[in-house]
């Protein structure tokens, strides 16, 4: 039972999966950690916690595999993880301070000056992204202003999955996908953007070498994973960002497909083969395994639904039932911006609300319109991504993530969009994508496409939009736009 292992260093937990070469999940493990909030809006974690929990999770998976078949071998290992979060190491390879994660909002205080500097220098067109709180470039700009001694001590910048690989192999490297997500990346040359860093007072010696996501590096000694010393050393892939890892499992590798991941948030991703695109304030433009991706990020998806269910004492069955009820033209609207929002409005200070409430509004109406408001936000993000694509009508939208368990939710998204959705088999998409990279690095697959053929998720069903419901929801979405603008303007 030879396997590939994938490690996903997430925001709240690390997940590890072992799959065989036919794509069957042999073992899985998850270990959690708790973010620290030393000041309001701050979100930190010491990298040691990532490492300790990763070691436990990997060894649990390996032990499970060996219990099933003692002669099993790990043929390759790949890594993925949260984007943007920042690890700084000193000359001895030790963290100089706790890692600052993408959920941290302290950089709001420097955002205006940062954006103005980049714009005045003409650099935004080369970065292809707008700075925002929680992105690596913004955090580094904050450190340059408020903790310059930290940057003076730091020798290397790593992202979370890079830190875990460093602890496994001793290598200080990163990949193109994570590098592009820092916004200190020059899309014209596909390398670190030294001029932008110098403009912002960020030392350029921090930038590690970059490799392809599937490139092999220093192998891991078997005892690091709890394997017998006689086991061969394990090839390790460079790894990639979490959404790009999921795209390997969903098969969204080349232009022609769109990935929609439904979870706490929602992520829309579509590969493109050109950098000749205008910067769009509400979307991101990042490196992919081959070429590039356009990405929309909805912060308030499953999290907003969970909040409403808790507040109203509802469960998923009730939500599914009320979602199927017809929507009245004068129903209230739910704005799901409980933690700010990126796509479609890019406003970190936005707050959520039900608007146009009346005395005859009932509990079921609140639940139904909450689902509707979240679905509208996701539909807006998908349409924003599709608008920059050149072949909209023939694009297949592949949907995965924990949100697919609630069919009424996905059907509302489908009806709101008015486009078919291909529903994939539920899987640990990011972890399996990381394992796929390990398979290429370990020469079990010749390329990523061959890896997908063996390990990729399969389409289990196809949802078709209901024409009448699409028209009804379309009218509601159109009426919502001026209401949303007026509300957000009043909140500023």
Protein backbone atom coordinates (compact mmCIF):
# COMPACT_ATOMS: atom_id res chain seq x y z
CA UNK A 1 0.00 0.00 0.00
CA UNK A 2 2.42 2.68 -1.19
CA UNK A 3 1.12 6.21 -0.65
CA UNK A 4 1.65 9.90 -1.30
CA UNK A 5 1.30 12.34 1.61
CA UNK A 6 -0.12 15.86 1.44
CA UNK A 7 0.19 18.48 4.19
CA UNK A 8 -2.15 21.50 4.33
CA UNK A 9 -1.14 24.19 6.85
CA UNK A 10 -4.49 25.91 7.26
CA UNK A 11 -5.59 28.95 9.25
CA UNK A 12 -7.01 27.06 12.23
CA UNK A 13 -5.61 23.56 11.76
CA UNK A 14 -3.16 21.44 9.82
CA UNK A 15 -4.63 18.59 7.78
CA UNK A 16 -2.66 15.63 6.51
CA UNK A 17 -3.80 13.00 4.04
CA UNK A 18 -2.29 9.81 2.59
CA UNK A 19 -3.58 8.58 -0.77
CA UNK A 20 -2.59 5.59 -2.86
CA UNK A 21 -1.72 5.92 -6.54
CA UNK A 22 -5.32 5.19 -7.55
CA UNK A 23 -6.61 8.16 -5.59
CA UNK A 24 -8.06 6.26 -2.63
CA UNK A 25 -7.70 8.04 0.70
CA UNK A 26 -5.85 5.67 3.01
CA UNK A 27 -5.57 7.87 6.11
CA UNK A 28 -6.32 11.41 7.26
CA UNK A 29 -5.47 13.47 10.34
CA UNK A 30 -6.13 16.98 11.62
CA UNK A 31 -4.60 19.01 14.44
CA UNK A 32 -5.89 22.40 15.52
CA UNK A 33 -4.27 25.51 16.91
CA UNK A 34 -5.65 28.78 18.27
CA UNK A 35 -4.74 32.19 16.92
CA UNK A 36 -3.57 34.78 19.44
CA UNK A 37 -5.01 38.30 19.50
CA UNK A 38 -2.62 40.44 21.57
CA UNK A 39 -4.44 43.59 20.39
CA UNK A 40 -7.82 44.16 18.72
CA UNK A 41 -7.60 43.24 15.03
CA UNK A 42 -4.33 41.34 15.42
CA UNK A 43 -4.12 37.62 14.56
CA UNK A 44 -0.81 35.87 15.27
CA UNK A 45 0.53 32.39 15.88
CA UNK A 46 4.02 31.18 16.68
CA UNK A 47 5.37 29.02 13.83
CA UNK A 48 6.44 26.40 16.38
CA UNK A 49 2.75 25.55 16.83
CA UNK A 50 2.38 24.86 13.12
CA UNK A 51 5.41 22.59 13.30
CA UNK A 52 4.38 20.70 16.43
CA UNK A 53 0.87 20.02 15.18
CA UNK A 54 2.15 19.07 11.73
CA UNK A 55 4.53 16.49 13.19
CA UNK A 56 1.70 14.92 15.21
CA UNK A 57 -0.68 14.90 12.23
CA UNK A 58 1.85 13.40 9.81
CA UNK A 59 2.94 10.69 12.22
CA UNK A 60 -0.67 9.74 12.94
CA UNK A 61 -1.28 9.31 9.22
CA UNK A 62 1.92 7.31 8.72
CA UNK A 63 1.12 5.09 11.73
CA UNK A 64 -2.34 4.42 10.31
CA UNK A 65 -0.87 3.45 6.94
CA UNK A 66 1.74 1.13 8.50
CA UNK A 67 -0.89 -0.56 10.67
CA UNK A 68 -2.82 -1.45 7.52
CA UNK A 69 0.28 -2.67 5.68
CA UNK A 70 3.68 -2.70 7.41
CA UNK A 71 5.57 -2.78 4.10
CA UNK A 72 3.96 0.44 2.85
CA UNK A 73 6.20 3.20 1.54
CA UNK A 74 5.73 6.96 1.25
CA UNK A 75 6.64 7.70 -2.37
CA UNK A 76 6.40 11.47 -2.23
CA UNK A 77 5.30 14.39 -0.08
CA UNK A 78 3.82 17.78 -1.00
CA UNK A 79 2.78 20.84 0.95
CA UNK A 80 0.22 23.60 0.71
CA UNK A 81 -1.18 26.16 3.09
CA UNK A 82 -2.80 29.47 3.80
CA UNK A 83 -1.73 32.38 1.64
CA UNK A 84 -0.27 35.74 2.74
CA UNK A 85 0.64 34.80 6.34
CA UNK A 86 4.15 35.92 7.19
CA UNK A 87 7.07 34.07 8.82
CA UNK A 88 10.40 35.87 9.34
CA UNK A 89 13.51 33.88 10.30
CA UNK A 90 16.83 35.15 11.66
CA UNK A 91 20.31 34.08 10.59
CA UNK A 92 19.97 30.89 12.66
CA UNK A 93 16.67 29.94 11.06
CA UNK A 94 14.63 30.86 14.16
CA UNK A 95 11.46 33.00 14.02
CA UNK A 96 12.15 36.61 15.02
CA UNK A 97 8.52 37.11 16.13
CA UNK A 98 5.19 35.27 15.99
CA UNK A 99 3.81 34.81 12.49
CA UNK A 100 1.30 37.45 11.40
CA UNK A 101 -1.60 35.77 9.58
CA UNK A 102 -3.83 36.89 6.73
CA UNK A 103 -6.67 37.51 9.21
CA UNK A 104 -4.66 40.31 10.84
CA UNK A 105 -5.91 43.83 10.12
CA UNK A 106 -3.25 46.02 11.78
CA UNK A 107 -1.93 47.14 8.37
CA UNK A 108 -5.00 49.30 7.76
CA UNK A 109 -3.04 52.18 9.27
CA UNK A 110 -0.43 52.08 6.49
CA UNK A 111 -2.64 50.96 3.60
CA UNK A 112 -3.37 54.39 2.11
CA UNK A 113 0.28 55.49 2.09
CA UNK A 114 1.38 52.09 0.76
CA UNK A 115 -1.07 52.17 -2.15
CA UNK A 116 -0.19 55.77 -3.00
CA UNK A 117 3.53 54.96 -3.14
CA UNK A 118 3.01 51.96 -5.42
CA UNK A 119 0.62 53.87 -7.66
CA UNK A 120 2.88 56.91 -7.97
CA UNK A 121 5.78 54.67 -8.97
CA UNK A 122 3.65 52.91 -11.61
CA UNK A 123 4.11 49.54 -9.90
CA UNK A 124 0.49 48.43 -9.49
CA UNK A 125 0.29 47.36 -13.14
CA UNK A 126 3.25 45.02 -12.56
CA UNK A 127 1.83 43.65 -9.30
CA UNK A 128 -1.66 43.24 -10.84
CA UNK A 129 -3.27 43.38 -7.38
CA UNK A 130 -4.51 46.01 -4.97
CA UNK A 131 -2.99 45.98 -1.45
CA UNK A 132 -5.37 45.07 1.36
CA UNK A 133 -5.05 44.42 5.10
CA UNK A 134 -3.71 40.93 5.80
CA UNK A 135 -1.70 40.66 2.58
CA UNK A 136 2.03 40.12 3.01
CA UNK A 137 3.09 43.39 1.41
CA UNK A 138 0.83 45.35 3.79
CA UNK A 139 2.10 43.50 6.87
CA UNK A 140 5.73 44.10 5.86
CA UNK A 141 5.01 47.79 5.30
CA UNK A 142 3.54 47.94 8.80
CA UNK A 143 6.62 46.22 10.25
CA UNK A 144 8.90 48.66 8.41
CA UNK A 145 7.10 51.51 10.13
CA UNK A 146 6.33 50.16 13.60
CA UNK A 147 8.78 47.27 14.19
CA UNK A 148 11.86 48.12 12.09
CA UNK A 149 14.09 46.18 14.48
CA UNK A 150 12.26 42.99 13.43
CA UNK A 151 13.17 43.53 9.77
CA UNK A 152 16.75 44.34 10.79
CA UNK A 153 17.07 40.96 12.51
CA UNK A 154 15.24 39.00 9.82
CA UNK A 155 17.15 37.16 7.11
CA UNK A 156 14.43 35.16 5.32
CA UNK A 157 10.74 35.56 4.49
CA UNK A 158 8.68 32.35 4.31
CA UNK A 159 5.01 31.48 3.94
CA UNK A 160 3.51 28.85 6.30
CA UNK A 161 4.02 25.80 4.08
CA UNK A 162 7.58 27.01 3.35
CA UNK A 163 8.34 27.03 7.06
CA UNK A 164 7.16 23.44 7.46
CA UNK A 165 9.27 22.36 4.48
CA UNK A 166 12.25 24.17 6.01
CA UNK A 167 11.79 22.24 9.25
CA UNK A 168 11.54 18.99 7.31
CA UNK A 169 14.41 19.51 4.87
CA UNK A 170 16.48 22.54 5.93
CA UNK A 171 15.68 24.30 2.62
CA UNK A 172 14.79 28.00 2.53
CA UNK A 173 12.77 28.25 -0.70
CA UNK A 174 9.30 29.20 -1.88
CA UNK A 175 7.22 28.79 -5.04
CA UNK A 176 5.69 31.14 -7.61
CA UNK A 177 2.08 30.84 -6.37
CA UNK A 178 2.83 31.87 -2.79
CA UNK A 179 5.33 34.50 -3.94
CA UNK A 180 2.73 36.14 -6.17
CA UNK A 181 0.24 36.23 -3.29
CA UNK A 182 2.61 38.42 -1.25
CA UNK A 183 2.13 41.27 -3.79
CA UNK A 184 5.91 41.67 -3.81
CA UNK A 185 5.98 39.79 -7.12
CA UNK A 186 6.60 41.21 -10.58
CA UNK A 187 4.21 39.55 -13.03
CA UNK A 188 6.19 40.94 -15.98
CA UNK A 189 9.30 38.94 -15.06
CA UNK A 190 7.63 36.27 -12.86
CA UNK A 191 10.05 36.89 -10.00
CA UNK A 192 10.40 38.91 -6.80
CA UNK A 193 9.73 42.64 -7.23
CA UNK A 194 12.90 44.14 -5.73
CA UNK A 195 12.11 47.71 -6.82
CA UNK A 196 8.76 47.70 -4.99
CA UNK A 197 10.37 46.29 -1.85
CA UNK A 198 13.10 48.95 -1.86
CA UNK A 199 10.47 51.68 -2.32
CA UNK A 200 8.69 50.45 0.82
CA UNK A 201 11.81 49.96 2.93
CA UNK A 202 11.57 46.15 2.84
CA UNK A 203 15.00 44.41 2.67
CA UNK A 204 15.27 42.41 -0.55
CA UNK A 205 17.60 39.85 1.03
CA UNK A 206 14.49 38.44 2.74
CA UNK A 207 13.26 36.89 -0.51
CA UNK A 208 14.02 33.14 -0.82
CA UNK A 209 14.76 31.40 -4.15
CA UNK A 210 11.66 30.37 -6.14
CA UNK A 211 10.91 27.01 -7.76
CA UNK A 212 8.03 25.39 -9.62
CA UNK A 213 5.36 23.94 -7.35
CA UNK A 214 6.11 20.35 -8.38
CA UNK A 215 9.92 20.62 -8.41
CA UNK A 216 11.73 18.22 -6.06
CA UNK A 217 14.16 19.54 -3.48
CA UNK A 218 16.01 18.03 -0.56
CA UNK A 219 14.43 14.72 0.45
CA UNK A 220 13.04 14.01 3.92
CA UNK A 221 14.73 11.45 6.13
CA UNK A 222 12.17 8.71 6.90
CA UNK A 223 12.51 8.99 10.68
CA UNK A 224 11.22 12.60 10.47
CA UNK A 225 7.83 11.11 9.52
CA UNK A 226 7.98 8.24 11.98
CA UNK A 227 9.05 5.72 9.33
CA UNK A 228 11.70 3.04 9.86
CA UNK A 229 15.28 4.18 9.17
CA UNK A 230 15.51 1.54 6.41
CA UNK A 231 12.74 3.32 4.45
CA UNK A 232 14.11 5.26 1.44
CA UNK A 233 14.33 9.05 1.72
CA UNK A 234 11.11 10.75 0.61
CA UNK A 235 11.02 13.22 -2.31
CA UNK A 236 9.44 16.55 -1.35
CA UNK A 237 7.77 18.95 -3.78
CA UNK A 238 8.15 22.71 -3.35
CA UNK A 239 4.39 23.05 -2.78
CA UNK A 240 1.89 25.82 -3.50
CA UNK A 241 -0.86 28.04 -2.13
CA UNK A 242 -4.05 26.38 -0.89
CA UNK A 243 -6.38 27.39 -3.73
CA UNK A 244 -3.88 26.32 -6.36
CA UNK A 245 -3.55 22.97 -4.56
CA UNK A 246 -7.33 22.53 -4.64
CA UNK A 247 -7.26 23.34 -8.37
CA UNK A 248 -5.08 20.27 -8.94
CA UNK A 249 -7.74 18.04 -7.36
CA UNK A 250 -10.58 19.72 -9.24
CA UNK A 251 -8.67 19.63 -12.53
CA UNK A 252 -8.69 23.42 -12.95
CA UNK A 253 -5.15 23.57 -14.30
CA UNK A 254 -5.47 25.11 -17.77
CA UNK A 255 -7.87 27.78 -19.14
CA UNK A 256 -11.38 26.53 -19.85
CA UNK A 257 -12.59 25.64 -16.35
CA UNK A 258 -13.56 27.57 -13.21
CA UNK A 259 -13.19 26.38 -9.63
CA UNK A 260 -15.69 27.34 -6.93
CA UNK A 261 -14.76 26.24 -3.41
CA UNK A 262 -17.51 26.54 -0.81
CA UNK A 263 -16.46 26.61 2.84
CA UNK A 264 -16.20 29.19 5.60
CA UNK A 265 -15.62 31.61 2.75
CA UNK A 266 -15.90 31.00 -0.98
CA UNK A 267 -13.10 31.14 -3.53
CA UNK A 268 -13.56 31.47 -7.29
CA UNK A 269 -10.52 30.66 -9.44
CA UNK A 270 -10.01 30.54 -13.20
CA UNK A 271 -6.72 29.93 -15.06
CA UNK A 272 -5.62 32.40 -17.72
CA UNK A 273 -2.64 32.29 -20.06
CA UNK A 274 -1.89 36.01 -20.24
CA UNK A 275 -0.81 38.87 -18.00
CA UNK A 276 -2.39 41.38 -20.37
CA UNK A 277 -5.27 42.11 -17.99
CA UNK A 278 -6.18 45.30 -16.18
CA UNK A 279 -5.88 45.34 -12.39
CA UNK A 280 -9.35 44.84 -10.91
CA UNK A 281 -9.79 46.16 -7.39
CA UNK A 282 -12.07 43.37 -6.20
CA UNK A 283 -10.14 40.45 -7.77
CA UNK A 284 -6.66 38.98 -7.40
CA UNK A 285 -4.19 37.91 -10.08
CA UNK A 286 -1.77 35.20 -8.96
CA UNK A 287 0.67 32.72 -10.46
CA UNK A 288 -0.62 29.21 -11.18
CA UNK A 289 1.23 25.95 -11.80
CA UNK A 290 1.25 26.90 -15.48
CA UNK A 291 0.47 30.50 -16.31
CA UNK A 292 -1.81 32.54 -14.08
CA UNK A 293 -5.16 32.64 -12.29
CA UNK A 294 -7.82 35.26 -11.69
CA UNK A 295 -9.34 34.80 -8.24
CA UNK A 296 -12.33 36.20 -6.39
CA UNK A 297 -12.49 35.79 -2.61
CA UNK A 298 -15.74 35.90 -0.63
CA UNK A 299 -14.99 36.13 3.09
CA UNK A 300 -18.59 35.65 4.27
CA UNK A 301 -20.09 32.42 2.99
CA UNK A 302 -20.47 29.44 5.34
CA UNK A 303 -19.41 31.65 8.26
CA UNK A 304 -22.36 34.02 7.68
CA UNK A 305 -24.79 31.12 7.37
CA UNK A 306 -23.47 29.56 10.59
CA UNK A 307 -23.82 32.89 12.39
CA UNK A 308 -27.45 33.28 11.30
CA UNK A 309 -28.34 29.71 12.25
CA UNK A 310 -26.82 30.15 15.69
CA UNK A 311 -28.49 33.52 16.22
CA UNK A 312 -31.91 32.17 15.15
CA UNK A 313 -31.54 28.70 16.68
CA UNK A 314 -31.86 26.89 13.33
CA UNK A 315 -30.22 23.81 11.83
CA UNK A 316 -29.30 22.89 8.25
CA UNK A 317 -32.52 20.93 7.68
CA UNK A 318 -34.64 23.95 8.54
CA UNK A 319 -32.49 26.24 6.41
CA UNK A 320 -32.82 23.85 3.46
CA UNK A 321 -36.60 23.78 3.91
CA UNK A 322 -37.07 27.56 4.03
CA UNK A 323 -34.68 28.04 1.12
CA UNK A 324 -37.08 26.12 -1.12
CA UNK A 325 -39.95 28.47 -0.19
CA UNK A 326 -40.78 31.16 -2.78
CA UNK A 327 -39.21 34.56 -2.25
CA UNK A 328 -41.52 37.56 -2.13
CA UNK A 329 -40.59 40.67 -4.06
CA UNK A 330 -40.69 42.83 -0.92
CA UNK A 331 -38.73 40.44 1.31
CA UNK A 332 -35.85 41.99 3.28
CA UNK A 333 -32.28 41.74 2.03
CA UNK A 334 -29.33 40.31 3.93
CA UNK A 335 -25.90 41.88 3.53
CA UNK A 336 -23.50 39.17 4.80
CA UNK A 337 -20.46 41.37 5.47
CA UNK A 338 -19.89 40.26 9.06
CA UNK A 339 -16.10 40.46 8.72
CA UNK A 340 -15.68 43.02 5.95
CA UNK A 341 -15.54 41.73 2.38
CA UNK A 342 -13.19 41.33 -0.56
CA UNK A 343 -15.15 40.26 -3.64
CA UNK A 344 -17.42 41.89 -4.77
CA UNK A 345 -16.95 45.13 -2.78
CA UNK A 346 -13.35 45.11 -1.37
CA UNK A 347 -14.24 46.89 1.85
CA UNK A 348 -12.50 45.62 5.01
CA UNK A 349 -14.68 47.88 7.19
CA UNK A 350 -18.05 46.72 5.84
CA UNK A 351 -20.57 45.32 8.31
CA UNK A 352 -23.55 43.03 7.86
CA UNK A 353 -27.26 43.80 8.13
CA UNK A 354 -30.79 42.88 7.23
CA UNK A 355 -32.35 45.85 5.47
CA UNK A 356 -35.98 46.70 4.61
CA UNK A 357 -37.35 44.92 7.66
CA UNK A 358 -41.10 45.21 8.40
CA UNK A 359 -43.35 43.93 11.19
CA UNK A 360 -44.63 41.02 9.08
CA UNK A 361 -41.13 39.58 8.49
CA UNK A 362 -40.89 36.15 10.09
CA UNK A 363 -38.03 33.98 11.27
CA UNK A 364 -38.22 31.83 8.11
CA UNK A 365 -37.85 34.96 6.00
CA UNK A 366 -34.66 35.90 7.82
CA UNK A 367 -33.16 32.44 7.29
CA UNK A 368 -34.14 32.32 3.62
CA UNK A 369 -32.85 35.80 2.84
CA UNK A 370 -29.61 35.08 4.70
CA UNK A 371 -29.01 32.13 2.37
CA UNK A 372 -30.01 34.33 -0.56
CA UNK A 373 -27.62 37.13 0.46
CA UNK A 374 -24.69 34.73 0.72
CA UNK A 375 -25.60 33.14 -2.62
CA UNK A 376 -25.79 36.58 -4.25
CA UNK A 377 -22.29 37.44 -2.99
CA UNK A 378 -20.91 34.21 -4.43
CA UNK A 379 -22.72 34.76 -7.73
CA UNK A 380 -21.25 38.27 -7.88
CA UNK A 381 -17.76 36.84 -7.38
CA UNK A 382 -18.22 34.19 -10.08
CA UNK A 383 -19.52 36.79 -12.54
CA UNK A 384 -16.63 39.14 -11.72
CA UNK A 385 -14.17 36.39 -12.63
CA UNK A 386 -16.11 35.41 -15.75
CA UNK A 387 -16.10 39.00 -16.99
CA UNK A 388 -12.33 38.88 -17.48
CA UNK A 389 -12.44 35.54 -19.30
CA UNK A 390 -12.54 35.40 -23.10
CA UNK A 391 -14.70 32.27 -23.52
CA UNK A 392 -17.44 32.65 -20.92
CA UNK A 393 -20.11 30.47 -22.49
CA UNK A 394 -17.99 27.33 -22.74
CA UNK A 395 -16.43 27.49 -19.28
CA UNK A 396 -17.28 24.64 -16.92
CA UNK A 397 -17.79 25.68 -13.28
CA UNK A 398 -16.61 22.90 -10.93
CA UNK A 399 -17.82 23.11 -7.33
CA UNK A 400 -16.21 21.49 -4.31
CA UNK A 401 -15.73 22.06 -0.57
CA UNK A 402 -17.82 21.34 2.50
CA UNK A 403 -20.64 23.59 1.28
CA UNK A 404 -21.71 21.08 -1.36
CA UNK A 405 -23.33 19.00 1.40
CA UNK A 406 -26.30 21.40 1.43
CA UNK A 407 -27.84 20.97 -1.99
CA UNK A 408 -30.42 23.72 -1.47
CA UNK A 409 -27.57 26.19 -0.91
CA UNK A 410 -25.72 25.16 -4.06
CA UNK A 411 -28.96 25.15 -6.05
CA UNK A 412 -29.65 28.74 -4.99
CA UNK A 413 -26.18 29.73 -6.19
CA UNK A 414 -26.87 27.90 -9.45
CA UNK A 415 -30.25 29.60 -9.90
CA UNK A 416 -28.80 33.00 -9.05
CA UNK A 417 -26.03 32.60 -11.63
CA UNK A 418 -28.20 31.02 -14.27
CA UNK A 419 -25.36 28.65 -15.19
CA UNK A 420 -24.92 24.87 -14.75
CA UNK A 421 -22.63 23.74 -11.94
CA UNK A 422 -20.60 20.51 -11.96
CA UNK A 423 -20.60 19.11 -8.41
CA UNK A 424 -17.43 17.17 -7.59
CA UNK A 425 -16.99 14.32 -5.17
CA UNK A 426 -16.28 15.70 -1.71
CA UNK A 427 -12.63 15.37 -0.77
CA UNK A 428 -9.79 17.06 1.05
CA UNK A 429 -9.03 18.93 -2.16
CA UNK A 430 -6.09 20.95 -0.84
CA UNK A 431 -4.39 18.00 0.85
CA UNK A 432 -4.83 15.71 -2.14
CA UNK A 433 -3.52 18.46 -4.43
CA UNK A 434 -0.42 18.70 -2.25
CA UNK A 435 0.00 14.92 -2.40
CA UNK A 436 -0.27 15.14 -6.20
CA UNK A 437 2.68 17.55 -6.24
CA UNK A 438 4.59 15.01 -4.15
CA UNK A 439 3.75 12.38 -6.76
CA UNK A 440 5.24 14.49 -9.56
CA UNK A 441 8.34 15.30 -7.46
CA UNK A 442 8.70 11.59 -6.68
CA UNK A 443 8.35 10.68 -10.39
CA UNK A 444 5.17 8.69 -9.84
CA UNK A 445 3.47 10.97 -12.38
CA UNK A 446 5.09 12.56 -15.40
CA UNK A 447 3.16 15.81 -14.98
CA UNK A 448 0.24 17.43 -13.17
CA UNK A 449 -2.30 16.28 -15.75
CA UNK A 450 -1.29 12.66 -15.22
CA UNK A 451 -1.56 13.24 -11.48
CA UNK A 452 -5.11 14.53 -11.88
CA UNK A 453 -6.04 11.50 -13.95
CA UNK A 454 -5.08 9.30 -10.98
CA UNK A 455 -5.99 11.39 -7.94
CA UNK A 456 -8.45 14.02 -9.14
CA UNK A 457 -12.03 14.47 -7.94
CA UNK A 458 -14.78 13.27 -10.25
CA UNK A 459 -18.02 15.00 -11.27
CA UNK A 460 -20.84 13.37 -9.29
CA UNK A 461 -23.76 15.47 -10.50
CA UNK A 462 -24.65 18.53 -12.54
CA UNK A 463 -27.08 21.16 -11.29
CA UNK A 464 -29.17 22.99 -13.88
CA UNK A 465 -30.60 26.43 -13.07
CA UNK A 466 -34.37 26.77 -12.80
CA UNK A 467 -35.35 29.43 -15.36
CA UNK A 468 -38.24 30.92 -13.34
CA UNK A 469 -36.19 31.01 -10.15
CA UNK A 470 -33.28 32.58 -12.03
CA UNK A 471 -35.50 35.39 -13.28
CA UNK A 472 -36.95 35.97 -9.81
CA UNK A 473 -33.53 36.01 -8.14
CA UNK A 474 -32.16 38.17 -10.94
CA UNK A 475 -34.77 40.83 -10.18
CA UNK A 476 -33.88 40.63 -6.49
CA UNK A 477 -30.14 40.95 -7.22
CA UNK A 478 -30.70 43.95 -9.46
CA UNK A 479 -32.81 45.66 -6.79
CA UNK A 480 -30.18 44.88 -4.13
CA UNK A 481 -27.28 46.70 -5.82
CA UNK A 482 -28.42 50.32 -5.15
CA UNK A 483 -29.56 49.30 -1.65
CA UNK A 484 -26.12 47.83 -0.96
CA UNK A 485 -24.32 50.92 -2.26
CA UNK A 486 -26.46 53.22 -0.14
CA UNK A 487 -25.93 51.08 2.97
CA UNK A 488 -22.15 50.85 2.53
CA UNK A 489 -21.95 54.60 1.88
CA UNK A 490 -23.89 55.30 5.09
CA UNK A 491 -21.51 53.05 7.07
CA UNK A 492 -18.34 54.81 5.90
